[in-house]
């Protein structure tokens, strides 16, 4: 029987195979990254939905939105210096996770899976060290529209609850552009007063925050 000669791969063939693998990886990795981020965003939206349910339960018990603060209120109380008694209110009011603890099981709901921290608050326009993540630093990844509690409002006093924001991602770079970028490309998961949650772009984010509340 004739021995068959074993043929080894040539250097060129190996380089061609490696090049093909590199091209496939370049195509697939961004796709996998987007799929993973969509999964994280879905978890984040689910968290907000659960928090929204807890806020509704709180409001049913107390007839107004939670008397609570977010990280910007607690760490930069000067943003409320123009509000009557603002400094004292900020000093005496607990954080939102503490207030809603009786209505929520577990702390994980307060952390967005995409939370990578931030250095500047998108709404309060103040520098805040939220590293390595906002959740690790403050126990919450979300920003609360504190004015709702300062005005002692309830959802039945809101003329358009479906357009009134209550809670959202503290930073628009987590599900959009870089955390160091501003404006176009940034996205926020946002909870509205009628308890629906949706992803909004930067323009809609600013529009929601600019919407006036009843006096």
N, C-alpha and C. Protein backbone atom coordinates (compact mmCIF):
# COMPACT_ATOMS: atom_id res chain seq x y z
N UNK A 1 0.85 -1.19 0.00
CA UNK A 1 0.00 0.00 0.00
C UNK A 1 0.89 1.23 0.00
N UNK A 2 0.55 2.16 -0.85
CA UNK A 2 1.36 3.37 -0.97
C UNK A 2 1.06 4.31 0.18
N UNK A 3 2.12 4.74 0.83
CA UNK A 3 1.94 5.71 1.91
C UNK A 3 1.50 7.04 1.35
N UNK A 4 0.46 7.62 1.99
CA UNK A 4 0.01 8.95 1.57
C UNK A 4 0.83 10.01 2.29
N UNK A 5 1.29 10.92 1.53
CA UNK A 5 2.09 11.99 2.10
C UNK A 5 1.21 12.95 2.89
N UNK A 6 1.61 13.22 4.12
CA UNK A 6 0.90 14.20 4.93
C UNK A 6 1.26 15.60 4.47
N UNK A 7 0.22 16.36 4.15
CA UNK A 7 0.45 17.71 3.63
C UNK A 7 0.21 18.73 4.72
N UNK A 8 1.19 19.53 5.06
CA UNK A 8 1.06 20.58 6.08
C UNK A 8 0.50 21.85 5.45
N UNK A 9 -0.15 22.67 6.32
CA UNK A 9 -0.62 23.97 5.84
C UNK A 9 0.57 24.87 5.54
N UNK A 10 0.45 25.61 4.47
CA UNK A 10 1.51 26.58 4.15
C UNK A 10 1.26 27.85 4.97
N UNK A 11 2.26 28.68 5.08
CA UNK A 11 2.15 29.93 5.83
C UNK A 11 1.05 30.81 5.23
N UNK A 12 0.95 30.83 3.92
CA UNK A 12 -0.07 31.66 3.27
C UNK A 12 -1.46 31.18 3.62
N UNK A 13 -1.66 29.87 3.63
CA UNK A 13 -2.97 29.32 3.97
C UNK A 13 -3.35 29.67 5.41
N UNK A 14 -2.39 29.57 6.31
CA UNK A 14 -2.65 29.91 7.71
C UNK A 14 -3.02 31.37 7.84
N UNK A 15 -2.31 32.25 7.14
CA UNK A 15 -2.60 33.69 7.18
C UNK A 15 -3.99 33.99 6.61
N UNK A 16 -4.38 33.26 5.56
CA UNK A 16 -5.71 33.46 4.97
C UNK A 16 -6.80 33.08 5.97
N UNK A 17 -6.61 31.94 6.66
CA UNK A 17 -7.58 31.49 7.66
C UNK A 17 -7.69 32.50 8.80
N UNK A 18 -6.53 32.99 9.27
CA UNK A 18 -6.54 33.98 10.34
C UNK A 18 -7.23 35.27 9.90
N UNK A 19 -7.01 35.66 8.65
CA UNK A 19 -7.65 36.86 8.13
C UNK A 19 -9.17 36.70 8.08
N UNK A 20 -9.63 35.51 7.68
CA UNK A 20 -11.07 35.24 7.62
C UNK A 20 -11.67 35.30 9.03
N UNK A 21 -10.97 34.70 9.99
CA UNK A 21 -11.44 34.70 11.39
C UNK A 21 -11.52 36.14 11.91
N UNK A 22 -10.51 36.96 11.56
CA UNK A 22 -10.50 38.35 12.01
C UNK A 22 -11.67 39.13 11.42
N UNK A 23 -11.96 38.89 10.14
CA UNK A 23 -13.09 39.57 9.49
C UNK A 23 -14.40 39.17 10.14
N UNK A 24 -14.57 37.87 10.38
CA UNK A 24 -15.81 37.38 11.02
C UNK A 24 -15.97 37.97 12.42
N UNK A 25 -14.85 38.04 13.15
CA UNK A 25 -14.91 38.61 14.51
C UNK A 25 -15.29 40.09 14.46
N UNK A 26 -14.73 40.81 13.49
CA UNK A 26 -15.04 42.24 13.35
C UNK A 26 -16.52 42.46 13.03
N UNK A 27 -17.12 41.51 12.32
CA UNK A 27 -18.54 41.62 11.97
C UNK A 27 -19.43 41.22 13.14
N UNK A 28 -19.06 40.14 13.82
CA UNK A 28 -19.93 39.57 14.85
C UNK A 28 -19.85 40.28 16.19
N UNK A 29 -18.67 40.75 16.59
CA UNK A 29 -18.52 41.35 17.92
C UNK A 29 -19.42 42.58 18.13
N UNK A 30 -19.48 43.51 17.17
CA UNK A 30 -20.40 44.64 17.37
C UNK A 30 -21.86 44.20 17.47
N UNK A 31 -22.22 43.17 16.69
CA UNK A 31 -23.59 42.66 16.74
C UNK A 31 -23.88 42.07 18.11
N UNK A 32 -22.95 41.27 18.62
CA UNK A 32 -23.13 40.66 19.95
C UNK A 32 -23.17 41.73 21.03
N UNK A 33 -22.34 42.77 20.85
CA UNK A 33 -22.33 43.86 21.82
C UNK A 33 -23.67 44.58 21.86
N UNK A 34 -24.26 44.81 20.68
CA UNK A 34 -25.56 45.47 20.61
C UNK A 34 -26.65 44.61 21.24
N UNK A 35 -26.58 43.31 20.98
CA UNK A 35 -27.56 42.39 21.56
C UNK A 35 -27.45 42.39 23.08
N UNK A 36 -26.24 42.38 23.57
CA UNK A 36 -26.03 42.40 25.02
C UNK A 36 -26.55 43.70 25.63
N UNK A 37 -26.30 44.82 24.96
CA UNK A 37 -26.76 46.10 25.47
C UNK A 37 -28.29 46.19 25.46
N UNK A 38 -28.91 45.62 24.44
CA UNK A 38 -30.37 45.61 24.40
C UNK A 38 -30.93 44.82 25.58
N UNK A 39 -30.24 43.72 25.93
CA UNK A 39 -30.65 42.93 27.08
C UNK A 39 -30.53 43.73 28.37
N UNK A 40 -29.44 44.47 28.50
CA UNK A 40 -29.23 45.30 29.69
C UNK A 40 -30.27 46.41 29.77
N UNK A 41 -30.56 47.02 28.62
CA UNK A 41 -31.56 48.08 28.60
C UNK A 41 -32.93 47.55 28.99
N UNK A 42 -33.24 46.31 28.57
CA UNK A 42 -34.52 45.70 28.92
C UNK A 42 -34.62 45.48 30.43
N UNK A 43 -33.52 45.04 31.05
CA UNK A 43 -33.50 44.86 32.50
C UNK A 43 -33.68 46.20 33.19
N UNK A 44 -33.01 47.22 32.67
CA UNK A 44 -33.11 48.56 33.23
C UNK A 44 -34.55 49.07 33.18
N UNK A 45 -35.22 48.85 32.06
CA UNK A 45 -36.61 49.27 31.92
C UNK A 45 -37.51 48.49 32.87
N UNK A 46 -37.22 47.21 33.05
CA UNK A 46 -37.98 46.40 34.01
C UNK A 46 -37.80 46.93 35.43
N UNK A 47 -36.58 47.34 35.76
CA UNK A 47 -36.32 47.93 37.08
C UNK A 47 -37.19 49.17 37.29
N UNK A 48 -37.20 50.04 36.29
CA UNK A 48 -37.98 51.28 36.40
C UNK A 48 -39.46 50.98 36.54
N UNK A 49 -39.92 49.97 35.82
CA UNK A 49 -41.32 49.57 35.91
C UNK A 49 -41.66 49.11 37.33
N UNK A 50 -40.77 48.33 37.93
CA UNK A 50 -41.00 47.87 39.30
C UNK A 50 -40.98 49.03 40.29
N UNK A 51 -40.05 49.95 40.08
CA UNK A 51 -39.99 51.13 40.95
C UNK A 51 -41.26 51.96 40.77
N UNK A 52 -41.73 52.07 39.54
CA UNK A 52 -42.96 52.80 39.27
C UNK A 52 -44.15 52.21 40.02
N UNK A 53 -44.21 50.89 40.07
CA UNK A 53 -45.28 50.22 40.81
C UNK A 53 -45.18 50.55 42.29
N UNK A 54 -43.95 50.57 42.81
CA UNK A 54 -43.74 50.91 44.22
C UNK A 54 -44.14 52.36 44.50
N UNK A 55 -43.82 53.26 43.57
CA UNK A 55 -44.21 54.66 43.72
C UNK A 55 -45.73 54.80 43.75
N UNK A 56 -46.41 54.03 42.89
CA UNK A 56 -47.87 54.05 42.87
C UNK A 56 -48.44 53.58 44.20
N UNK A 57 -47.87 52.52 44.74
CA UNK A 57 -48.32 52.00 46.04
C UNK A 57 -48.09 53.03 47.15
N UNK A 58 -46.93 53.68 47.11
CA UNK A 58 -46.63 54.73 48.08
C UNK A 58 -47.66 55.86 47.97
N UNK A 59 -47.93 56.29 46.74
CA UNK A 59 -48.87 57.38 46.53
C UNK A 59 -50.28 57.03 46.99
N UNK A 60 -50.65 55.76 46.86
CA UNK A 60 -51.95 55.33 47.34
C UNK A 60 -52.04 55.41 48.87
N UNK A 61 -50.91 55.17 49.52
CA UNK A 61 -50.88 55.23 50.98
C UNK A 61 -50.81 56.65 51.50
N UNK A 62 -50.06 57.52 50.78
CA UNK A 62 -49.77 58.86 51.30
C UNK A 62 -50.40 59.99 50.49
N UNK A 63 -50.97 59.68 49.35
CA UNK A 63 -51.64 60.68 48.50
C UNK A 63 -50.70 61.69 47.85
N UNK A 64 -49.41 61.35 47.77
CA UNK A 64 -48.47 62.21 47.04
C UNK A 64 -47.24 61.38 46.67
N UNK A 65 -46.43 61.94 45.78
CA UNK A 65 -45.21 61.25 45.35
C UNK A 65 -44.24 61.14 46.53
N UNK A 66 -43.34 60.14 46.49
CA UNK A 66 -42.44 59.89 47.62
C UNK A 66 -41.66 61.11 48.08
N UNK A 67 -41.62 61.32 49.38
CA UNK A 67 -40.81 62.37 49.98
C UNK A 67 -39.39 61.84 50.06
N UNK A 68 -38.65 62.02 48.98
CA UNK A 68 -37.34 61.38 48.87
C UNK A 68 -36.44 62.14 47.90
N UNK A 69 -35.16 61.79 47.93
CA UNK A 69 -34.14 62.46 47.12
C UNK A 69 -33.39 61.47 46.24
N UNK A 70 -32.71 62.01 45.23
CA UNK A 70 -31.78 61.20 44.46
C UNK A 70 -30.35 61.64 44.77
N UNK A 71 -29.38 61.11 44.04
CA UNK A 71 -27.97 61.37 44.34
C UNK A 71 -27.61 62.85 44.17
N UNK A 72 -28.16 63.51 43.16
CA UNK A 72 -27.85 64.93 42.93
C UNK A 72 -28.37 65.78 44.08
N UNK A 73 -29.59 65.50 44.54
CA UNK A 73 -30.17 66.26 45.65
C UNK A 73 -29.32 66.12 46.91
N UNK A 74 -28.87 64.90 47.17
CA UNK A 74 -28.16 64.63 48.42
C UNK A 74 -26.72 65.14 48.39
N UNK A 75 -26.10 65.07 47.21
CA UNK A 75 -24.68 65.42 47.11
C UNK A 75 -24.42 66.82 46.56
N UNK A 76 -25.45 67.46 46.06
CA UNK A 76 -25.31 68.84 45.59
C UNK A 76 -26.57 69.61 45.98
N UNK A 77 -26.85 69.71 47.28
CA UNK A 77 -28.10 70.35 47.74
C UNK A 77 -28.21 71.81 47.33
N UNK A 78 -27.10 72.43 46.91
CA UNK A 78 -27.13 73.83 46.50
C UNK A 78 -28.02 74.06 45.28
N UNK A 79 -28.33 73.00 44.54
CA UNK A 79 -29.18 73.17 43.36
C UNK A 79 -30.60 73.60 43.76
N UNK A 80 -30.93 73.42 45.05
CA UNK A 80 -32.25 73.82 45.54
C UNK A 80 -32.18 75.04 46.45
N UNK A 81 -31.11 75.80 46.33
CA UNK A 81 -30.93 76.96 47.20
C UNK A 81 -32.02 78.02 47.00
N UNK A 82 -32.61 78.04 45.81
CA UNK A 82 -33.65 79.02 45.55
C UNK A 82 -35.03 78.59 46.00
N UNK A 83 -35.14 77.33 46.41
CA UNK A 83 -36.43 76.83 46.87
C UNK A 83 -36.61 77.18 48.35
N UNK A 84 -37.78 77.67 48.76
CA UNK A 84 -37.99 78.02 50.17
C UNK A 84 -37.69 76.85 51.11
N UNK A 85 -36.71 77.06 51.98
CA UNK A 85 -36.32 75.99 52.91
C UNK A 85 -35.64 74.82 52.24
N UNK A 86 -35.12 75.03 51.02
CA UNK A 86 -34.53 73.94 50.25
C UNK A 86 -33.41 73.22 50.95
N UNK A 87 -32.47 73.97 51.55
CA UNK A 87 -31.31 73.36 52.21
C UNK A 87 -31.74 72.45 53.35
N UNK A 88 -32.70 72.88 54.14
CA UNK A 88 -33.16 72.09 55.27
C UNK A 88 -33.92 70.84 54.79
N UNK A 89 -34.72 71.01 53.74
CA UNK A 89 -35.45 69.87 53.19
C UNK A 89 -34.47 68.81 52.70
N UNK A 90 -33.44 69.23 51.99
CA UNK A 90 -32.45 68.28 51.45
C UNK A 90 -31.70 67.58 52.58
N UNK A 91 -31.45 68.30 53.67
CA UNK A 91 -30.70 67.71 54.78
C UNK A 91 -31.53 66.69 55.55
N UNK A 92 -32.85 66.88 55.57
CA UNK A 92 -33.70 66.04 56.41
C UNK A 92 -34.40 64.92 55.66
N UNK A 93 -34.36 64.96 54.34
CA UNK A 93 -35.11 63.98 53.54
C UNK A 93 -34.22 62.80 53.13
N UNK A 94 -34.68 61.56 53.29
CA UNK A 94 -33.89 60.38 52.93
C UNK A 94 -33.87 60.12 51.43
N UNK A 95 -33.01 59.21 51.02
CA UNK A 95 -32.89 58.83 49.61
C UNK A 95 -34.10 57.97 49.20
N UNK A 96 -34.38 57.97 47.91
CA UNK A 96 -35.54 57.26 47.38
C UNK A 96 -35.54 55.75 47.70
N UNK A 97 -34.40 55.04 47.57
CA UNK A 97 -34.43 53.61 47.92
C UNK A 97 -34.82 53.35 49.37
N UNK A 98 -34.46 54.25 50.26
CA UNK A 98 -34.80 54.09 51.68
C UNK A 98 -36.30 54.25 51.87
N UNK A 99 -36.87 55.27 51.24
CA UNK A 99 -38.30 55.56 51.39
C UNK A 99 -39.16 54.45 50.80
N UNK A 100 -38.72 53.89 49.67
CA UNK A 100 -39.53 52.87 49.00
C UNK A 100 -39.19 51.45 49.43
N UNK A 101 -38.29 51.31 50.36
CA UNK A 101 -37.89 49.97 50.81
C UNK A 101 -39.07 49.10 51.23
N UNK A 102 -40.09 49.62 51.93
CA UNK A 102 -41.22 48.76 52.31
C UNK A 102 -42.03 48.24 51.13
N UNK A 103 -41.85 48.86 49.97
CA UNK A 103 -42.65 48.50 48.79
C UNK A 103 -41.86 47.69 47.76
N UNK A 104 -40.57 47.51 47.97
CA UNK A 104 -39.72 46.82 47.00
C UNK A 104 -38.91 45.73 47.70
N UNK A 105 -38.89 44.55 47.10
CA UNK A 105 -38.11 43.45 47.65
C UNK A 105 -36.73 43.43 46.99
N UNK A 106 -35.70 43.64 47.78
CA UNK A 106 -34.33 43.59 47.26
C UNK A 106 -33.85 44.93 46.74
N UNK A 107 -32.52 45.09 46.75
CA UNK A 107 -31.90 46.35 46.33
C UNK A 107 -31.50 46.35 44.86
N UNK A 108 -31.46 45.17 44.23
CA UNK A 108 -30.93 45.08 42.86
C UNK A 108 -31.71 45.93 41.87
N UNK A 109 -32.99 46.17 42.15
CA UNK A 109 -33.84 46.93 41.23
C UNK A 109 -33.34 48.36 41.05
N UNK A 110 -32.54 48.85 41.99
CA UNK A 110 -32.04 50.24 41.92
C UNK A 110 -30.79 50.39 41.05
N UNK A 111 -30.25 49.28 40.58
CA UNK A 111 -29.03 49.34 39.78
C UNK A 111 -29.28 49.03 38.31
N UNK A 112 -28.96 49.94 37.42
CA UNK A 112 -29.05 49.69 35.98
C UNK A 112 -27.84 48.85 35.55
N UNK A 113 -28.05 47.74 34.83
CA UNK A 113 -26.92 46.89 34.42
C UNK A 113 -25.88 47.62 33.57
N UNK A 114 -26.27 48.69 32.90
CA UNK A 114 -25.34 49.45 32.06
C UNK A 114 -24.69 50.61 32.80
N UNK A 115 -25.00 50.76 34.06
CA UNK A 115 -24.45 51.85 34.88
C UNK A 115 -22.93 51.76 34.92
N UNK A 116 -22.26 52.72 34.30
CA UNK A 116 -20.79 52.78 34.30
C UNK A 116 -20.30 54.04 35.02
N UNK A 117 -21.22 54.65 35.79
CA UNK A 117 -20.86 55.85 36.53
C UNK A 117 -20.92 57.10 35.67
N UNK A 118 -20.63 58.22 36.31
CA UNK A 118 -20.59 59.50 35.59
C UNK A 118 -19.88 60.53 36.47
N UNK A 119 -19.53 61.65 35.87
CA UNK A 119 -18.82 62.71 36.58
C UNK A 119 -19.60 64.02 36.60
N UNK A 120 -20.68 64.08 35.81
CA UNK A 120 -21.44 65.33 35.69
C UNK A 120 -22.91 65.00 35.56
N UNK A 121 -23.73 65.64 36.39
CA UNK A 121 -25.17 65.37 36.36
C UNK A 121 -25.83 66.05 35.16
N UNK A 122 -26.58 65.27 34.39
CA UNK A 122 -27.15 65.77 33.14
C UNK A 122 -28.22 66.83 33.34
N UNK A 123 -28.89 66.83 34.47
CA UNK A 123 -29.97 67.78 34.72
C UNK A 123 -29.55 68.89 35.67
N UNK A 124 -28.95 68.53 36.78
CA UNK A 124 -28.59 69.53 37.80
C UNK A 124 -27.42 70.41 37.35
N UNK A 125 -26.67 69.94 36.33
CA UNK A 125 -25.52 70.70 35.82
C UNK A 125 -24.48 70.96 36.91
N UNK A 126 -24.18 69.92 37.67
CA UNK A 126 -23.16 70.00 38.70
C UNK A 126 -22.24 68.79 38.58
N UNK A 127 -21.02 68.94 39.05
CA UNK A 127 -20.06 67.84 39.05
C UNK A 127 -20.38 66.91 40.21
N UNK A 128 -20.53 65.62 39.92
CA UNK A 128 -20.79 64.61 40.94
C UNK A 128 -19.92 63.40 40.64
N UNK A 129 -19.20 62.93 41.62
CA UNK A 129 -18.36 61.75 41.46
C UNK A 129 -19.20 60.50 41.68
N UNK A 130 -19.68 59.93 40.58
CA UNK A 130 -20.48 58.70 40.65
C UNK A 130 -19.67 57.54 40.10
N UNK A 131 -18.54 57.27 40.70
CA UNK A 131 -17.64 56.20 40.26
C UNK A 131 -17.40 55.21 41.39
N UNK A 132 -17.21 53.92 41.09
CA UNK A 132 -17.13 53.33 39.74
C UNK A 132 -18.47 53.24 39.03
N UNK A 133 -19.56 53.13 39.81
CA UNK A 133 -20.91 53.21 39.24
C UNK A 133 -21.76 54.03 40.20
N UNK A 134 -22.83 54.59 39.67
CA UNK A 134 -23.74 55.36 40.53
C UNK A 134 -24.38 54.45 41.57
N UNK A 135 -24.69 53.24 41.16
CA UNK A 135 -25.32 52.29 42.10
C UNK A 135 -24.38 51.93 43.25
N UNK A 136 -23.12 51.67 42.92
CA UNK A 136 -22.15 51.34 43.97
C UNK A 136 -21.89 52.53 44.89
N UNK A 137 -21.90 53.73 44.31
CA UNK A 137 -21.57 54.92 45.09
C UNK A 137 -22.75 55.42 45.92
N UNK A 138 -23.95 55.39 45.33
CA UNK A 138 -25.10 56.00 45.99
C UNK A 138 -26.26 55.05 46.25
N UNK A 139 -26.16 53.83 45.72
CA UNK A 139 -27.25 52.88 45.91
C UNK A 139 -28.41 53.09 44.95
N UNK A 140 -28.21 53.93 43.91
CA UNK A 140 -29.27 54.20 42.93
C UNK A 140 -28.66 54.66 41.62
N UNK A 141 -29.15 54.10 40.51
CA UNK A 141 -28.67 54.48 39.18
C UNK A 141 -29.56 55.51 38.50
N UNK A 142 -30.60 55.94 39.18
CA UNK A 142 -31.62 56.75 38.54
C UNK A 142 -31.78 58.13 39.17
N UNK A 143 -32.28 59.07 38.37
CA UNK A 143 -32.56 60.43 38.83
C UNK A 143 -34.06 60.59 39.02
N UNK A 144 -34.43 61.21 40.12
CA UNK A 144 -35.83 61.41 40.50
C UNK A 144 -36.21 62.86 40.25
N UNK A 145 -37.42 63.08 39.75
CA UNK A 145 -37.88 64.47 39.56
C UNK A 145 -38.39 64.96 40.92
N UNK A 146 -37.46 65.42 41.72
CA UNK A 146 -37.73 65.78 43.11
C UNK A 146 -38.78 66.86 43.26
N UNK A 147 -38.95 67.67 42.24
CA UNK A 147 -39.95 68.73 42.30
C UNK A 147 -41.35 68.19 42.55
N UNK A 148 -41.59 66.94 42.13
CA UNK A 148 -42.89 66.32 42.38
C UNK A 148 -43.20 66.25 43.87
N UNK A 149 -42.17 65.90 44.65
CA UNK A 149 -42.39 65.80 46.10
C UNK A 149 -42.35 67.17 46.76
N UNK A 150 -41.57 68.08 46.23
CA UNK A 150 -41.51 69.42 46.81
C UNK A 150 -42.84 70.16 46.66
N UNK A 151 -43.55 69.84 45.58
CA UNK A 151 -44.85 70.46 45.36
C UNK A 151 -45.99 69.62 45.96
N UNK A 152 -45.63 68.52 46.63
CA UNK A 152 -46.61 67.60 47.24
C UNK A 152 -47.69 67.22 46.23
N UNK A 153 -47.23 66.75 45.06
CA UNK A 153 -48.14 66.38 44.00
C UNK A 153 -48.50 64.90 44.06
N UNK A 154 -49.63 64.57 43.50
CA UNK A 154 -50.04 63.18 43.28
C UNK A 154 -50.35 63.05 41.78
N UNK A 155 -50.42 61.82 41.28
CA UNK A 155 -50.62 61.65 39.84
C UNK A 155 -51.96 62.21 39.37
N UNK A 156 -52.97 62.24 40.25
CA UNK A 156 -54.27 62.76 39.82
C UNK A 156 -54.28 64.29 39.73
N UNK A 157 -53.20 64.94 40.17
CA UNK A 157 -53.08 66.39 40.04
C UNK A 157 -52.29 66.77 38.79
N UNK A 158 -51.79 65.77 38.09
CA UNK A 158 -51.01 66.04 36.89
C UNK A 158 -51.94 66.06 35.67
N UNK A 159 -51.94 67.13 34.90
CA UNK A 159 -52.83 67.20 33.73
C UNK A 159 -52.47 66.19 32.64
N UNK A 160 -51.19 65.85 32.53
CA UNK A 160 -50.74 64.90 31.50
C UNK A 160 -49.74 63.92 32.11
N UNK A 161 -50.21 62.97 32.92
CA UNK A 161 -49.29 62.03 33.58
C UNK A 161 -48.46 61.19 32.60
N UNK A 162 -49.01 60.92 31.42
CA UNK A 162 -48.28 60.12 30.43
C UNK A 162 -47.09 60.87 29.85
N UNK A 163 -47.02 62.19 30.08
CA UNK A 163 -45.92 63.00 29.56
C UNK A 163 -45.09 63.62 30.68
N UNK A 164 -45.40 63.24 31.92
CA UNK A 164 -44.67 63.80 33.07
C UNK A 164 -43.65 62.78 33.57
N UNK A 165 -42.37 63.11 33.48
CA UNK A 165 -41.32 62.18 33.89
C UNK A 165 -41.20 62.13 35.41
N UNK A 166 -40.89 60.93 35.89
CA UNK A 166 -40.72 60.71 37.32
C UNK A 166 -39.31 60.24 37.65
N UNK A 167 -38.80 59.33 36.84
CA UNK A 167 -37.49 58.71 37.11
C UNK A 167 -36.83 58.37 35.78
N UNK A 168 -35.49 58.45 35.73
CA UNK A 168 -34.79 58.08 34.50
C UNK A 168 -33.34 57.73 34.80
N UNK A 169 -32.67 57.12 33.82
CA UNK A 169 -31.23 56.85 33.96
C UNK A 169 -30.52 58.13 34.34
N UNK A 170 -29.59 58.04 35.27
CA UNK A 170 -28.88 59.23 35.72
C UNK A 170 -27.90 59.75 34.67
N UNK A 171 -27.59 58.94 33.68
CA UNK A 171 -26.65 59.38 32.65
C UNK A 171 -27.06 58.82 31.29
N UNK A 172 -27.04 59.66 30.27
CA UNK A 172 -27.47 59.26 28.94
C UNK A 172 -26.44 58.49 28.15
N UNK A 173 -25.24 58.35 28.69
CA UNK A 173 -24.21 57.61 27.99
C UNK A 173 -24.29 56.11 28.18
N UNK A 174 -25.05 55.67 29.16
CA UNK A 174 -25.12 54.23 29.45
C UNK A 174 -25.77 53.44 28.32
N UNK A 175 -26.75 54.03 27.67
CA UNK A 175 -27.45 53.33 26.58
C UNK A 175 -27.29 54.07 25.26
N UNK A 176 -26.36 55.00 25.21
CA UNK A 176 -26.17 55.78 23.99
C UNK A 176 -24.71 56.07 23.74
N UNK A 177 -24.39 57.35 23.66
CA UNK A 177 -23.01 57.76 23.38
C UNK A 177 -22.15 57.63 24.62
N UNK A 178 -20.91 58.02 24.50
CA UNK A 178 -19.98 57.98 25.63
C UNK A 178 -20.51 58.80 26.80
N UNK A 179 -20.15 58.37 28.01
CA UNK A 179 -20.56 59.11 29.20
C UNK A 179 -19.94 60.49 29.23
N UNK A 180 -18.92 60.74 28.39
CA UNK A 180 -18.29 62.05 28.35
C UNK A 180 -18.91 62.95 27.28
N UNK A 181 -19.83 62.38 26.47
CA UNK A 181 -20.46 63.15 25.41
C UNK A 181 -21.73 63.83 25.90
N UNK A 182 -22.21 64.78 25.13
CA UNK A 182 -23.45 65.46 25.48
C UNK A 182 -24.30 65.59 24.23
N UNK A 183 -25.61 65.71 24.44
CA UNK A 183 -26.51 65.96 23.33
C UNK A 183 -26.79 64.74 22.49
N UNK A 184 -26.68 64.90 21.19
CA UNK A 184 -27.08 63.87 20.24
C UNK A 184 -26.38 62.54 20.52
N UNK A 185 -27.16 61.47 20.47
CA UNK A 185 -26.61 60.14 20.70
C UNK A 185 -26.90 59.60 22.08
N UNK A 186 -27.21 60.48 23.02
CA UNK A 186 -27.50 60.03 24.38
C UNK A 186 -28.95 59.56 24.48
N UNK A 187 -29.17 58.49 25.25
CA UNK A 187 -30.50 57.95 25.43
C UNK A 187 -30.75 57.66 26.90
N UNK A 188 -32.01 57.71 27.27
CA UNK A 188 -32.41 57.51 28.67
C UNK A 188 -33.64 56.61 28.73
N UNK A 189 -33.62 55.63 29.60
CA UNK A 189 -34.84 54.92 29.95
C UNK A 189 -35.58 55.80 30.94
N UNK A 190 -36.84 56.09 30.66
CA UNK A 190 -37.57 57.06 31.47
C UNK A 190 -38.92 56.50 31.92
N UNK A 191 -39.19 56.67 33.22
CA UNK A 191 -40.47 56.29 33.81
C UNK A 191 -41.37 57.52 33.87
N UNK A 192 -42.61 57.38 33.40
CA UNK A 192 -43.56 58.48 33.42
C UNK A 192 -44.61 58.24 34.50
N UNK A 193 -45.36 59.29 34.81
CA UNK A 193 -46.27 59.25 35.94
C UNK A 193 -47.42 58.27 35.77
N UNK A 194 -47.72 57.86 34.54
CA UNK A 194 -48.76 56.86 34.32
C UNK A 194 -48.19 55.44 34.40
N UNK A 195 -46.90 55.37 34.81
CA UNK A 195 -46.17 54.11 35.03
C UNK A 195 -45.76 53.39 33.74
N UNK A 196 -45.72 54.09 32.61
CA UNK A 196 -45.13 53.46 31.44
C UNK A 196 -43.66 53.89 31.34
N UNK A 197 -42.86 53.03 30.74
CA UNK A 197 -41.42 53.26 30.61
C UNK A 197 -41.04 53.19 29.13
N UNK A 198 -40.22 54.13 28.69
CA UNK A 198 -39.74 54.06 27.32
C UNK A 198 -38.35 54.68 27.22
N UNK A 199 -37.66 54.34 26.14
CA UNK A 199 -36.35 54.91 25.87
C UNK A 199 -36.54 56.20 25.08
N UNK A 200 -35.91 57.28 25.55
CA UNK A 200 -36.06 58.57 24.86
C UNK A 200 -34.68 59.12 24.50
N UNK A 201 -34.64 59.91 23.44
CA UNK A 201 -33.38 60.56 23.05
C UNK A 201 -33.17 61.82 23.89
N UNK A 202 -32.05 62.49 23.65
CA UNK A 202 -31.69 63.64 24.49
C UNK A 202 -32.71 64.77 24.37
N UNK A 203 -33.21 65.01 23.16
CA UNK A 203 -34.18 66.09 22.96
C UNK A 203 -35.45 65.84 23.76
N UNK A 204 -35.96 64.61 23.72
CA UNK A 204 -37.17 64.28 24.48
C UNK A 204 -36.90 64.28 25.98
N UNK A 205 -35.69 63.90 26.35
CA UNK A 205 -35.29 63.93 27.76
C UNK A 205 -35.36 65.35 28.30
N UNK A 206 -34.77 66.29 27.57
CA UNK A 206 -34.80 67.69 28.00
C UNK A 206 -36.23 68.24 27.98
N UNK A 207 -36.99 67.84 26.98
CA UNK A 207 -38.37 68.31 26.87
C UNK A 207 -39.20 67.85 28.07
N UNK A 208 -39.00 66.60 28.48
CA UNK A 208 -39.75 66.07 29.62
C UNK A 208 -39.41 66.83 30.89
N UNK A 209 -38.12 67.08 31.11
CA UNK A 209 -37.71 67.79 32.32
C UNK A 209 -38.15 69.25 32.32
N UNK A 210 -38.33 69.81 31.13
CA UNK A 210 -38.74 71.21 31.03
C UNK A 210 -40.25 71.40 31.18
N UNK A 211 -40.99 70.29 31.13
CA UNK A 211 -42.44 70.39 31.22
C UNK A 211 -42.84 70.92 32.61
N UNK A 212 -43.57 72.02 32.67
CA UNK A 212 -43.91 72.60 33.98
C UNK A 212 -44.88 71.72 34.76
N UNK A 213 -44.75 71.77 36.07
CA UNK A 213 -45.64 71.03 36.95
C UNK A 213 -46.69 71.99 37.56
N UNK A 214 -47.82 71.44 37.98
CA UNK A 214 -48.83 72.27 38.63
C UNK A 214 -48.26 72.95 39.88
N UNK A 215 -48.70 74.15 40.14
CA UNK A 215 -48.23 74.90 41.31
C UNK A 215 -48.90 74.40 42.59
